[in-house]
């Protein structure tokens, strides 16, 4: 994929590669500082209680005073 190709436009190159042009310009973002802190807490707790699922881990986080829902915890546990 070359943006400065003399004969093929970016649109045509993406078409030939079956690639969406939007994915060509996509820049992935990293996790926020808050999420990294939550992941560290989840990791520490998971080492102590590996049987905790997302519901129990969310309750643990709330008992510790962190505002984090079950679906958010589940997404962070997957990462």
C-alpha atoms as a PDB file:
ATOM      1  CA  UNK A   1       0.000   0.000   0.000  1.00  0.00           C
ATOM      2  CA  UNK A   2       1.553   3.256  -1.164  1.00  0.00           C
ATOM      3  CA  UNK A   3      -0.229   6.570  -0.801  1.00  0.00           C
ATOM      4  CA  UNK A   4       1.991   8.207  -3.438  1.00  0.00           C
ATOM      5  CA  UNK A   5       1.645   5.534  -6.127  1.00  0.00           C
ATOM      6  CA  UNK A   6       1.865   7.214  -9.572  1.00  0.00           C
ATOM      7  CA  UNK A   7      -0.943   5.248 -11.275  1.00  0.00           C
ATOM      8  CA  UNK A   8      -3.164   3.791  -8.541  1.00  0.00           C
ATOM      9  CA  UNK A   9      -5.226   5.958  -6.249  1.00  0.00           C
ATOM     10  CA  UNK A  10      -5.609   5.086  -2.576  1.00  0.00           C
ATOM     11  CA  UNK A  11      -9.231   4.146  -3.262  1.00  0.00           C
ATOM     12  CA  UNK A  12      -8.229   1.698  -6.014  1.00  0.00           C
ATOM     13  CA  UNK A  13      -5.432   0.142  -3.942  1.00  0.00           C
ATOM     14  CA  UNK A  14      -7.818  -0.426  -1.042  1.00  0.00           C
ATOM     15  CA  UNK A  15     -10.349  -1.900  -3.429  1.00  0.00           C
ATOM     16  CA  UNK A  16      -7.782  -4.348  -4.834  1.00  0.00           C
ATOM     17  CA  UNK A  17      -6.769  -5.392  -1.308  1.00  0.00           C
ATOM     18  CA  UNK A  18     -10.399  -5.647  -0.124  1.00  0.00           C
ATOM     19  CA  UNK A  19      -9.531  -3.167   2.597  1.00  0.00           C
ATOM     20  CA  UNK A  20     -11.753  -0.393   3.893  1.00  0.00           C
ATOM     21  CA  UNK A  21     -10.125   3.007   3.505  1.00  0.00           C
ATOM     22  CA  UNK A  22     -11.097   3.936   7.049  1.00  0.00           C
ATOM     23  CA  UNK A  23      -8.966   1.079   8.409  1.00  0.00           C
ATOM     24  CA  UNK A  24      -5.999   2.505   6.509  1.00  0.00           C
ATOM     25  CA  UNK A  25      -6.161   5.721   8.558  1.00  0.00           C
ATOM     26  CA  UNK A  26      -7.078   4.123  11.903  1.00  0.00           C
ATOM     27  CA  UNK A  27      -4.671   4.837  14.782  1.00  0.00           C
ATOM     28  CA  UNK A  28      -5.288   2.580  17.816  1.00  0.00           C
ATOM     29  CA  UNK A  29      -5.479   4.269  21.200  1.00  0.00           C
ATOM     30  CA  UNK A  30      -4.063   2.803  24.365  1.00  0.00           C
ATOM     31  CA  UNK A  31      -5.927   2.219  27.604  1.00  0.00           C
ATOM     32  CA  UNK A  32      -6.609   5.171  29.893  1.00  0.00           C
ATOM     33  CA  UNK A  33      -4.735   5.602  33.165  1.00  0.00           C
ATOM     34  CA  UNK A  34      -7.930   4.793  35.079  1.00  0.00           C
ATOM     35  CA  UNK A  35      -8.392   1.517  33.204  1.00  0.00           C
ATOM     36  CA  UNK A  36      -4.750   0.569  33.776  1.00  0.00           C
ATOM     37  CA  UNK A  37      -5.224   1.179  37.502  1.00  0.00           C
ATOM     38  CA  UNK A  38      -8.396  -0.963  37.485  1.00  0.00           C
ATOM     39  CA  UNK A  39      -6.555  -3.732  35.625  1.00  0.00           C
ATOM     40  CA  UNK A  40      -3.782  -3.721  38.227  1.00  0.00           C
ATOM     41  CA  UNK A  41      -6.359  -4.075  41.027  1.00  0.00           C
ATOM     42  CA  UNK A  42      -8.135  -6.853  39.143  1.00  0.00           C
ATOM     43  CA  UNK A  43      -4.837  -8.690  38.558  1.00  0.00           C
ATOM     44  CA  UNK A  44      -3.860  -8.520  42.235  1.00  0.00           C
ATOM     45  CA  UNK A  45      -7.259  -9.762  43.369  1.00  0.00           C
ATOM     46  CA  UNK A  46      -7.383 -12.480  40.708  1.00  0.00           C
ATOM     47  CA  UNK A  47      -4.102 -13.932  41.997  1.00  0.00           C
ATOM     48  CA  UNK A  48      -5.736 -14.307  45.431  1.00  0.00           C
ATOM     49  CA  UNK A  49      -9.132 -15.494  44.213  1.00  0.00           C
ATOM     50  CA  UNK A  50      -8.872 -16.992  40.712  1.00  0.00           C
ATOM     51  CA  UNK A  51     -12.460 -18.248  40.844  1.00  0.00           C
ATOM     52  CA  UNK A  52     -13.871 -14.694  40.845  1.00  0.00           C
ATOM     53  CA  UNK A  53     -15.864 -13.923  37.750  1.00  0.00           C
ATOM     54  CA  UNK A  54     -16.847 -10.487  36.514  1.00  0.00           C
ATOM     55  CA  UNK A  55     -19.773 -10.157  38.950  1.00  0.00           C
ATOM     56  CA  UNK A  56     -17.761 -10.994  42.050  1.00  0.00           C
ATOM     57  CA  UNK A  57     -14.851  -8.887  40.856  1.00  0.00           C
ATOM     58  CA  UNK A  58     -17.166  -5.918  40.284  1.00  0.00           C
ATOM     59  CA  UNK A  59     -18.531  -6.308  43.822  1.00  0.00           C
ATOM     60  CA  UNK A  60     -14.966  -6.453  45.140  1.00  0.00           C
ATOM     61  CA  UNK A  61     -14.119  -3.258  43.257  1.00  0.00           C
ATOM     62  CA  UNK A  62     -17.192  -1.507  44.676  1.00  0.00           C
ATOM     63  CA  UNK A  63     -16.312  -2.621  48.215  1.00  0.00           C
ATOM     64  CA  UNK A  64     -12.864  -1.098  47.675  1.00  0.00           C
ATOM     65  CA  UNK A  65     -14.544   2.178  46.686  1.00  0.00           C
ATOM     66  CA  UNK A  66     -13.976   2.071  42.918  1.00  0.00           C
ATOM     67  CA  UNK A  67     -16.787   3.012  40.560  1.00  0.00           C
ATOM     68  CA  UNK A  68     -16.703   0.192  38.054  1.00  0.00           C
ATOM     69  CA  UNK A  69     -19.628  -1.829  36.677  1.00  0.00           C
ATOM     70  CA  UNK A  70     -19.766  -5.528  35.828  1.00  0.00           C
ATOM     71  CA  UNK A  71     -19.546  -5.085  32.069  1.00  0.00           C
ATOM     72  CA  UNK A  72     -16.573  -2.755  32.419  1.00  0.00           C
ATOM     73  CA  UNK A  73     -14.842  -5.304  34.682  1.00  0.00           C
ATOM     74  CA  UNK A  74     -15.618  -8.080  32.199  1.00  0.00           C
ATOM     75  CA  UNK A  75     -14.036  -6.125  29.344  1.00  0.00           C
ATOM     76  CA  UNK A  76     -10.933  -5.396  31.422  1.00  0.00           C
ATOM     77  CA  UNK A  77     -10.648  -9.028  32.522  1.00  0.00           C
ATOM     78  CA  UNK A  78     -10.691 -10.155  28.883  1.00  0.00           C
ATOM     79  CA  UNK A  79      -7.758  -7.867  28.084  1.00  0.00           C
END
